Amino acid sequence: MSERPVPADRPIPLEDLVRLRRVRDRIDREYRQPLDVPALAAGVGLSAGHLSRLFRRAYGESPYAYLMTRRIERAMSLLRGGRMSVTEVCFEVGGSSLGTFSTRFTELVGMPPSVYRDRAGRDPDGLPTCVVRHATRPIRNREASGPGQVLR
């Protein structure tokens, strides 16, 4: 295992960047599965703590936060479709608790999933998927713009 600490003022070694990319790719592929940081770390030969530190340094968020963002993005897409209940969407994207899912969704999107589903049903049709995805990407509170900018 490569457990050498990387000082904050030095670049992350290429071998660790490759490992981080593997972890991120696995999260993107398997977001529905019950993933946890120790399992992700074991898959690339790192300790959970070292993986978390490197991942946060490289991507600006923890592996768990990245996983939750992927799940919420997929949930937003399913809710825009309007064919599934919030509970069905929660379990479809890998959630195990409707309460936790709703809380996290509200934190990232700024409104509860049921309100999002109702509002998304009134959005104009015909917009390219890439535009919808960009405009509706979850934004963490710490990433939100300062005063003077209106957020939906």
N, C-alpha and C. Protein backbone atom coordinates (compact mmCIF):
# COMPACT_ATOMS: atom_id res chain seq x y z
N MET A 1 0.83 -1.19 0.00
CA MET A 1 0.00 0.00 0.00
C MET A 1 0.87 1.24 0.00
N SER A 2 0.42 2.23 -0.76
CA SER A 2 1.12 3.51 -0.80
C SER A 2 0.46 4.45 0.20
N GLU A 3 1.07 4.61 1.34
CA GLU A 3 0.45 5.42 2.39
C GLU A 3 1.30 6.64 2.75
N ARG A 4 2.21 7.02 1.87
CA ARG A 4 3.02 8.20 2.17
C ARG A 4 2.13 9.44 2.12
N PRO A 5 2.16 10.26 3.16
CA PRO A 5 1.38 11.49 3.09
C PRO A 5 1.94 12.42 2.01
N VAL A 6 1.02 13.07 1.31
CA VAL A 6 1.43 14.01 0.26
C VAL A 6 1.23 15.42 0.82
N PRO A 7 2.32 16.17 1.01
CA PRO A 7 2.16 17.53 1.53
C PRO A 7 1.24 18.35 0.62
N ALA A 8 0.46 19.23 1.22
CA ALA A 8 -0.54 20.01 0.49
C ALA A 8 0.07 20.89 -0.60
N ASP A 9 1.33 21.25 -0.45
CA ASP A 9 1.96 22.14 -1.44
C ASP A 9 2.62 21.37 -2.58
N ARG A 10 2.54 20.04 -2.58
CA ARG A 10 3.15 19.22 -3.63
C ARG A 10 2.05 18.56 -4.46
N PRO A 11 2.32 18.34 -5.73
CA PRO A 11 1.33 17.67 -6.58
C PRO A 11 1.10 16.23 -6.12
N ILE A 12 -0.10 15.73 -6.36
CA ILE A 12 -0.41 14.34 -6.05
C ILE A 12 0.31 13.47 -7.07
N PRO A 13 1.03 12.44 -6.61
CA PRO A 13 1.76 11.56 -7.55
C PRO A 13 0.82 10.92 -8.57
N LEU A 14 1.33 10.71 -9.77
CA LEU A 14 0.55 10.15 -10.86
C LEU A 14 -0.09 8.82 -10.49
N GLU A 15 0.64 7.96 -9.79
CA GLU A 15 0.07 6.66 -9.41
C GLU A 15 -1.15 6.83 -8.52
N ASP A 16 -1.15 7.82 -7.64
CA ASP A 16 -2.32 8.08 -6.80
C ASP A 16 -3.46 8.70 -7.61
N LEU A 17 -3.13 9.55 -8.56
CA LEU A 17 -4.17 10.13 -9.42
C LEU A 17 -4.89 9.03 -10.22
N VAL A 18 -4.13 8.04 -10.67
CA VAL A 18 -4.72 6.91 -11.39
C VAL A 18 -5.68 6.15 -10.47
N ARG A 19 -5.25 5.92 -9.23
CA ARG A 19 -6.12 5.24 -8.26
C ARG A 19 -7.39 6.04 -8.01
N LEU A 20 -7.24 7.35 -7.85
CA LEU A 20 -8.40 8.20 -7.60
C LEU A 20 -9.38 8.16 -8.77
N ARG A 21 -8.86 8.15 -9.97
CA ARG A 21 -9.72 8.08 -11.15
C ARG A 21 -10.48 6.76 -11.19
N ARG A 22 -9.80 5.67 -10.80
CA ARG A 22 -10.48 4.37 -10.74
C ARG A 22 -11.63 4.40 -9.74
N VAL A 23 -11.38 5.03 -8.60
CA VAL A 23 -12.43 5.13 -7.57
C VAL A 23 -13.60 5.97 -8.11
N ARG A 24 -13.29 7.09 -8.71
CA ARG A 24 -14.35 7.95 -9.25
C ARG A 24 -15.14 7.25 -10.34
N ASP A 25 -14.44 6.54 -11.22
CA ASP A 25 -15.12 5.78 -12.27
C ASP A 25 -16.01 4.69 -11.68
N ARG A 26 -15.52 4.04 -10.64
CA ARG A 26 -16.33 2.99 -10.00
C ARG A 26 -17.59 3.59 -9.38
N ILE A 27 -17.47 4.73 -8.73
CA ILE A 27 -18.64 5.40 -8.16
C ILE A 27 -19.62 5.75 -9.27
N ASP A 28 -19.13 6.30 -10.38
CA ASP A 28 -20.01 6.66 -11.49
C ASP A 28 -20.74 5.44 -12.05
N ARG A 29 -20.06 4.31 -12.12
CA ARG A 29 -20.65 3.09 -12.67
C ARG A 29 -21.59 2.39 -11.70
N GLU A 30 -21.20 2.35 -10.44
CA GLU A 30 -21.90 1.51 -9.46
C GLU A 30 -22.64 2.32 -8.40
N TYR A 31 -23.08 3.54 -8.73
CA TYR A 31 -23.71 4.41 -7.72
C TYR A 31 -24.93 3.77 -7.06
N ARG A 32 -25.57 2.83 -7.74
CA ARG A 32 -26.75 2.17 -7.16
C ARG A 32 -26.40 1.16 -6.09
N GLN A 33 -25.16 0.70 -6.10
CA GLN A 33 -24.71 -0.34 -5.18
C GLN A 33 -24.40 0.27 -3.81
N PRO A 34 -24.44 -0.55 -2.76
CA PRO A 34 -24.06 -0.05 -1.43
C PRO A 34 -22.54 0.08 -1.34
N LEU A 35 -22.03 1.23 -1.73
CA LEU A 35 -20.59 1.49 -1.70
C LEU A 35 -20.22 2.20 -0.40
N ASP A 36 -19.06 1.86 0.13
CA ASP A 36 -18.55 2.59 1.28
C ASP A 36 -17.06 2.87 1.05
N VAL A 37 -16.55 3.82 1.76
CA VAL A 37 -15.16 4.26 1.57
C VAL A 37 -14.16 3.13 1.83
N PRO A 38 -14.31 2.33 2.88
CA PRO A 38 -13.34 1.24 3.07
C PRO A 38 -13.30 0.26 1.88
N ALA A 39 -14.45 -0.06 1.31
CA ALA A 39 -14.47 -0.97 0.15
C ALA A 39 -13.83 -0.32 -1.07
N LEU A 40 -14.13 0.96 -1.29
CA LEU A 40 -13.52 1.68 -2.41
C LEU A 40 -12.00 1.74 -2.24
N ALA A 41 -11.56 2.02 -1.02
CA ALA A 41 -10.12 2.12 -0.75
C ALA A 41 -9.43 0.78 -0.94
N ALA A 42 -10.04 -0.28 -0.45
CA ALA A 42 -9.44 -1.62 -0.59
C ALA A 42 -9.29 -1.99 -2.07
N GLY A 43 -10.23 -1.54 -2.89
CA GLY A 43 -10.17 -1.84 -4.31
C GLY A 43 -9.00 -1.23 -5.03
N VAL A 44 -8.39 -0.20 -4.45
CA VAL A 44 -7.24 0.45 -5.09
C VAL A 44 -5.99 0.40 -4.22
N GLY A 45 -6.04 -0.39 -3.14
CA GLY A 45 -4.85 -0.60 -2.32
C GLY A 45 -4.49 0.56 -1.41
N LEU A 46 -5.46 1.31 -0.94
CA LEU A 46 -5.22 2.41 -0.01
C LEU A 46 -6.04 2.22 1.24
N SER A 47 -5.67 2.88 2.31
CA SER A 47 -6.52 2.89 3.50
C SER A 47 -7.67 3.86 3.27
N ALA A 48 -8.74 3.70 4.01
CA ALA A 48 -9.90 4.57 3.86
C ALA A 48 -9.55 6.04 4.14
N GLY A 49 -8.77 6.26 5.17
CA GLY A 49 -8.40 7.64 5.52
C GLY A 49 -7.54 8.29 4.44
N HIS A 50 -6.57 7.54 3.93
CA HIS A 50 -5.69 8.09 2.90
C HIS A 50 -6.49 8.37 1.62
N LEU A 51 -7.37 7.44 1.24
CA LEU A 51 -8.21 7.67 0.06
C LEU A 51 -9.05 8.93 0.25
N SER A 52 -9.66 9.07 1.39
CA SER A 52 -10.52 10.25 1.64
C SER A 52 -9.72 11.55 1.53
N ARG A 53 -8.54 11.57 2.13
CA ARG A 53 -7.71 12.78 2.06
C ARG A 53 -7.30 13.10 0.63
N LEU A 54 -6.82 12.10 -0.10
CA LEU A 54 -6.40 12.31 -1.50
C LEU A 54 -7.58 12.72 -2.38
N PHE A 55 -8.70 12.05 -2.20
CA PHE A 55 -9.88 12.32 -3.02
C PHE A 55 -10.36 13.76 -2.80
N ARG A 56 -10.43 14.16 -1.55
CA ARG A 56 -10.86 15.53 -1.24
C ARG A 56 -9.89 16.56 -1.83
N ARG A 57 -8.61 16.25 -1.73
CA ARG A 57 -7.61 17.17 -2.27
C ARG A 57 -7.70 17.27 -3.79
N ALA A 58 -7.93 16.16 -4.45
CA ALA A 58 -7.98 16.14 -5.91
C ALA A 58 -9.30 16.67 -6.46
N TYR A 59 -10.42 16.32 -5.82
CA TYR A 59 -11.74 16.64 -6.38
C TYR A 59 -12.56 17.63 -5.55
N GLY A 60 -12.06 18.02 -4.40
CA GLY A 60 -12.74 19.03 -3.60
C GLY A 60 -13.88 18.53 -2.75
N GLU A 61 -14.08 17.22 -2.71
CA GLU A 61 -15.12 16.65 -1.86
C GLU A 61 -14.74 15.22 -1.51
N SER A 62 -15.37 14.69 -0.48
CA SER A 62 -15.06 13.32 -0.06
C SER A 62 -15.67 12.32 -1.04
N PRO A 63 -15.17 11.08 -1.02
CA PRO A 63 -15.76 10.06 -1.89
C PRO A 63 -17.26 9.88 -1.62
N TYR A 64 -17.66 9.93 -0.35
CA TYR A 64 -19.07 9.77 -0.01
C TYR A 64 -19.90 10.92 -0.58
N ALA A 65 -19.41 12.15 -0.46
CA ALA A 65 -20.14 13.30 -1.01
C ALA A 65 -20.26 13.18 -2.53
N TYR A 66 -19.20 12.71 -3.18
CA TYR A 66 -19.24 12.51 -4.63
C TYR A 66 -20.29 11.46 -4.99
N LEU A 67 -20.33 10.36 -4.24
CA LEU A 67 -21.33 9.32 -4.47
C LEU A 67 -22.74 9.88 -4.32
N MET A 68 -22.96 10.64 -3.27
CA MET A 68 -24.30 11.19 -3.04
C MET A 68 -24.70 12.18 -4.14
N THR A 69 -23.75 12.95 -4.64
CA THR A 69 -24.04 13.87 -5.74
C THR A 69 -24.45 13.09 -6.98
N ARG A 70 -23.76 12.00 -7.28
CA ARG A 70 -24.13 11.17 -8.44
C ARG A 70 -25.54 10.63 -8.28
N ARG A 71 -25.85 10.15 -7.07
CA ARG A 71 -27.18 9.60 -6.82
C ARG A 71 -28.26 10.67 -6.97
N ILE A 72 -28.00 11.85 -6.45
CA ILE A 72 -28.98 12.92 -6.53
C ILE A 72 -29.15 13.38 -7.98
N GLU A 73 -28.08 13.46 -8.74
CA GLU A 73 -28.20 13.82 -10.16
C GLU A 73 -29.09 12.83 -10.90
N ARG A 74 -28.88 11.54 -10.65
CA ARG A 74 -29.71 10.53 -11.30
C ARG A 74 -31.16 10.62 -10.82
N ALA A 75 -31.34 10.88 -9.53
CA ALA A 75 -32.69 11.03 -8.99
C ALA A 75 -33.41 12.21 -9.64
N MET A 76 -32.69 13.30 -9.86
CA MET A 76 -33.30 14.46 -10.51
C MET A 76 -33.80 14.09 -11.91
N SER A 77 -33.00 13.34 -12.61
CA SER A 77 -33.38 12.92 -13.95
C SER A 77 -34.65 12.05 -13.91
N LEU A 78 -34.68 11.10 -12.98
CA LEU A 78 -35.85 10.23 -12.86
C LEU A 78 -37.09 11.02 -12.43
N LEU A 79 -36.92 11.97 -11.53
CA LEU A 79 -38.05 12.77 -11.08
C LEU A 79 -38.59 13.66 -12.20
N ARG A 80 -37.70 14.17 -13.05
CA ARG A 80 -38.15 14.97 -14.19
C ARG A 80 -39.02 14.14 -15.13
N GLY A 81 -38.74 12.83 -15.20
CA GLY A 81 -39.55 11.95 -16.04
C GLY A 81 -40.98 11.83 -15.53
N GLY A 82 -41.17 12.00 -14.22
CA GLY A 82 -42.51 12.02 -13.64
C GLY A 82 -43.22 10.69 -13.57
N ARG A 83 -42.56 9.59 -13.88
CA ARG A 83 -43.22 8.29 -13.89
C ARG A 83 -43.04 7.51 -12.59
N MET A 84 -42.15 7.97 -11.74
CA MET A 84 -41.85 7.24 -10.50
C MET A 84 -42.14 8.10 -9.28
N SER A 85 -42.52 7.43 -8.20
CA SER A 85 -42.71 8.14 -6.94
C SER A 85 -41.34 8.47 -6.35
N VAL A 86 -41.33 9.35 -5.37
CA VAL A 86 -40.08 9.71 -4.70
C VAL A 86 -39.48 8.48 -4.03
N THR A 87 -40.30 7.64 -3.44
CA THR A 87 -39.81 6.43 -2.79
C THR A 87 -39.16 5.50 -3.81
N GLU A 88 -39.80 5.30 -4.95
CA GLU A 88 -39.23 4.45 -5.99
C GLU A 88 -37.89 5.00 -6.48
N VAL A 89 -37.83 6.31 -6.65
CA VAL A 89 -36.59 6.94 -7.11
C VAL A 89 -35.49 6.75 -6.07
N CYS A 90 -35.82 6.93 -4.82
CA CYS A 90 -34.85 6.76 -3.73
C CYS A 90 -34.17 5.40 -3.82
N PHE A 91 -34.96 4.35 -3.93
CA PHE A 91 -34.40 3.00 -3.96
C PHE A 91 -33.75 2.69 -5.30
N GLU A 92 -34.22 3.28 -6.38
CA GLU A 92 -33.64 3.07 -7.70
C GLU A 92 -32.21 3.60 -7.77
N VAL A 93 -31.92 4.70 -7.08
CA VAL A 93 -30.58 5.30 -7.14
C VAL A 93 -29.65 4.80 -6.04
N GLY A 94 -30.09 3.81 -5.27
CA GLY A 94 -29.22 3.22 -4.26
C GLY A 94 -29.44 3.70 -2.86
N GLY A 95 -30.48 4.50 -2.64
CA GLY A 95 -30.78 4.95 -1.28
C GLY A 95 -31.35 3.82 -0.45
N SER A 96 -31.11 3.84 0.83
CA SER A 96 -31.66 2.81 1.71
C SER A 96 -32.65 3.39 2.71
N SER A 97 -32.73 4.72 2.76
CA SER A 97 -33.63 5.40 3.68
C SER A 97 -34.25 6.60 2.97
N LEU A 98 -35.57 6.62 2.92
CA LEU A 98 -36.26 7.73 2.26
C LEU A 98 -35.99 9.05 2.98
N GLY A 99 -35.93 9.01 4.31
CA GLY A 99 -35.66 10.23 5.07
C GLY A 99 -34.29 10.81 4.77
N THR A 100 -33.27 9.96 4.76
CA THR A 100 -31.91 10.41 4.46
C THR A 100 -31.82 10.93 3.03
N PHE A 101 -32.45 10.20 2.10
CA PHE A 101 -32.46 10.61 0.70
C PHE A 101 -33.11 11.99 0.56
N SER A 102 -34.27 12.18 1.16
CA SER A 102 -34.98 13.46 1.05
C SER A 102 -34.18 14.60 1.67
N THR A 103 -33.57 14.35 2.81
CA THR A 103 -32.76 15.38 3.46
C THR A 103 -31.58 15.77 2.57
N ARG A 104 -30.87 14.78 2.06
CA ARG A 104 -29.70 15.05 1.21
C ARG A 104 -30.12 15.73 -0.09
N PHE A 105 -31.23 15.29 -0.68
CA PHE A 105 -31.73 15.89 -1.91
C PHE A 105 -32.03 17.38 -1.66
N THR A 106 -32.70 17.66 -0.56
CA THR A 106 -33.05 19.04 -0.22
C THR A 106 -31.80 19.89 0.00
N GLU A 107 -30.78 19.33 0.66
CA GLU A 107 -29.52 20.06 0.87
C GLU A 107 -28.86 20.43 -0.45
N LEU A 108 -28.83 19.49 -1.38
CA LEU A 108 -28.11 19.70 -2.64
C LEU A 108 -28.91 20.48 -3.67
N VAL A 109 -30.22 20.27 -3.71
CA VAL A 109 -31.04 20.87 -4.76
C VAL A 109 -31.75 22.13 -4.28
N GLY A 110 -31.98 22.24 -2.98
CA GLY A 110 -32.63 23.43 -2.45
C GLY A 110 -34.13 23.29 -2.29
N MET A 111 -34.66 22.11 -2.57
CA MET A 111 -36.09 21.85 -2.38
C MET A 111 -36.27 20.34 -2.22
N PRO A 112 -37.35 19.95 -1.55
CA PRO A 112 -37.61 18.51 -1.38
C PRO A 112 -37.86 17.83 -2.73
N PRO A 113 -37.60 16.52 -2.81
CA PRO A 113 -37.78 15.81 -4.08
C PRO A 113 -39.20 15.90 -4.64
N SER A 114 -40.21 15.88 -3.78
CA SER A 114 -41.59 15.96 -4.27
C SER A 114 -41.88 17.31 -4.91
N VAL A 115 -41.35 18.37 -4.34
CA VAL A 115 -41.52 19.71 -4.93
C VAL A 115 -40.76 19.79 -6.24
N TYR A 116 -39.56 19.24 -6.27
CA TYR A 116 -38.77 19.23 -7.51
C TYR A 116 -39.53 18.50 -8.62
N ARG A 117 -40.10 17.35 -8.30
CA ARG A 117 -40.85 16.58 -9.29
C ARG A 117 -42.03 17.38 -9.83
N ASP A 118 -42.75 18.05 -8.94
CA ASP A 118 -43.90 18.84 -9.37
C ASP A 118 -43.48 20.02 -10.25
N ARG A 119 -42.40 20.70 -9.87
CA ARG A 119 -41.93 21.84 -10.66
C ARG A 119 -41.34 21.40 -11.99
N ALA A 120 -40.62 20.28 -11.99
CA ALA A 120 -39.99 19.79 -13.21
C ALA A 120 -41.04 19.41 -14.24
N GLY A 121 -42.21 18.99 -13.79
CA GLY A 121 -43.29 18.64 -14.70
C GLY A 121 -43.83 19.83 -15.46
N ARG A 122 -43.55 21.04 -14.97
CA ARG A 122 -44.04 22.26 -15.63
C ARG A 122 -42.96 22.92 -16.49
N ASP A 123 -41.74 22.37 -16.48
CA ASP A 123 -40.66 22.96 -17.28
C ASP A 123 -40.94 22.77 -18.77
N PRO A 124 -40.46 23.69 -19.60
CA PRO A 124 -40.69 23.56 -21.04
C PRO A 124 -40.00 22.33 -21.61
N ASP A 125 -40.69 21.67 -22.51
CA ASP A 125 -40.13 20.50 -23.18
C ASP A 125 -39.25 20.95 -24.33
N GLY A 126 -38.48 20.03 -24.85
CA GLY A 126 -37.70 20.30 -26.05
C GLY A 126 -36.31 20.84 -25.81
N LEU A 127 -35.93 21.06 -24.56
CA LEU A 127 -34.57 21.52 -24.30
C LEU A 127 -33.60 20.34 -24.45
N PRO A 128 -32.44 20.59 -25.00
CA PRO A 128 -31.45 19.51 -25.11
C PRO A 128 -31.08 18.99 -23.72
N THR A 129 -30.85 17.70 -23.63
CA THR A 129 -30.52 17.05 -22.36
C THR A 129 -29.30 17.70 -21.70
N CYS A 130 -28.31 18.08 -22.51
CA CYS A 130 -27.10 18.67 -21.92
C CYS A 130 -27.41 20.00 -21.24
N VAL A 131 -28.36 20.76 -21.78
CA VAL A 131 -28.75 22.04 -21.18
C VAL A 131 -29.49 21.79 -19.87
N VAL A 132 -30.42 20.84 -19.89
CA VAL A 132 -31.18 20.51 -18.68
C VAL A 132 -30.24 20.01 -17.59
N ARG A 133 -29.32 19.12 -17.96
CA ARG A 133 -28.39 18.55 -16.97
C ARG A 133 -27.53 19.65 -16.35
N HIS A 134 -27.02 20.56 -17.17
CA HIS A 134 -26.18 21.64 -16.66
C HIS A 134 -26.98 22.58 -15.76
N ALA A 135 -28.17 22.93 -16.19
CA ALA A 135 -28.98 23.89 -15.43
C ALA A 135 -29.50 23.31 -14.13
N THR A 136 -29.61 22.00 -14.04
CA THR A 136 -30.19 21.39 -12.85
C THR A 136 -29.17 20.66 -12.00
N ARG A 137 -27.88 20.81 -12.29
CA ARG A 137 -26.84 20.14 -11.51
C ARG A 137 -26.93 20.57 -10.05
N PRO A 138 -26.89 19.60 -9.12
CA PRO A 138 -26.95 19.96 -7.70
C PRO A 138 -25.79 20.86 -7.30
N ILE A 139 -26.06 21.82 -6.44
CA ILE A 139 -25.03 22.75 -5.96
C ILE A 139 -25.04 22.70 -4.44
N ARG A 140 -23.92 22.38 -3.87
CA ARG A 140 -23.83 22.36 -2.42
C ARG A 140 -23.92 23.79 -1.88
N ASN A 141 -24.37 23.91 -0.67
CA ASN A 141 -24.49 25.23 -0.05
C ASN A 141 -23.17 25.98 -0.09
N ARG A 142 -22.05 25.30 0.13
CA ARG A 142 -20.75 25.97 0.13
C ARG A 142 -20.35 26.42 -1.26
N GLU A 143 -20.97 25.84 -2.30
CA GLU A 143 -20.63 26.23 -3.68
C GLU A 143 -21.56 27.33 -4.19
N ALA A 144 -22.64 27.60 -3.50
CA ALA A 144 -23.62 28.58 -3.94
C ALA A 144 -22.97 29.97 -4.01
N SER A 145 -23.44 30.74 -4.95
CA SER A 145 -22.90 32.09 -5.13
C SER A 145 -23.28 32.98 -3.96
N GLY A 146 -22.56 34.07 -3.84
CA GLY A 146 -22.80 35.02 -2.75
C GLY A 146 -24.08 35.79 -2.94
N PRO A 147 -24.31 36.80 -2.09
CA PRO A 147 -25.51 37.60 -2.16
C PRO A 147 -25.63 38.31 -3.51
N GLY A 148 -26.86 38.54 -3.90
CA GLY A 148 -27.09 39.25 -5.15
C GLY A 148 -27.39 38.34 -6.31
N GLN A 149 -27.18 37.03 -6.11
CA GLN A 149 -27.49 36.09 -7.18
C GLN A 149 -28.65 35.22 -6.73
N VAL A 150 -29.67 35.13 -7.55
CA VAL A 150 -30.87 34.40 -7.21
C VAL A 150 -30.67 32.93 -7.57
N LEU A 151 -30.94 32.06 -6.64
CA LEU A 151 -30.88 30.62 -6.88
C LEU A 151 -32.29 30.08 -6.85
N ARG A 152 -32.57 29.11 -7.72
CA ARG A 152 -33.90 28.51 -7.75
C ARG A 152 -34.11 27.63 -6.56
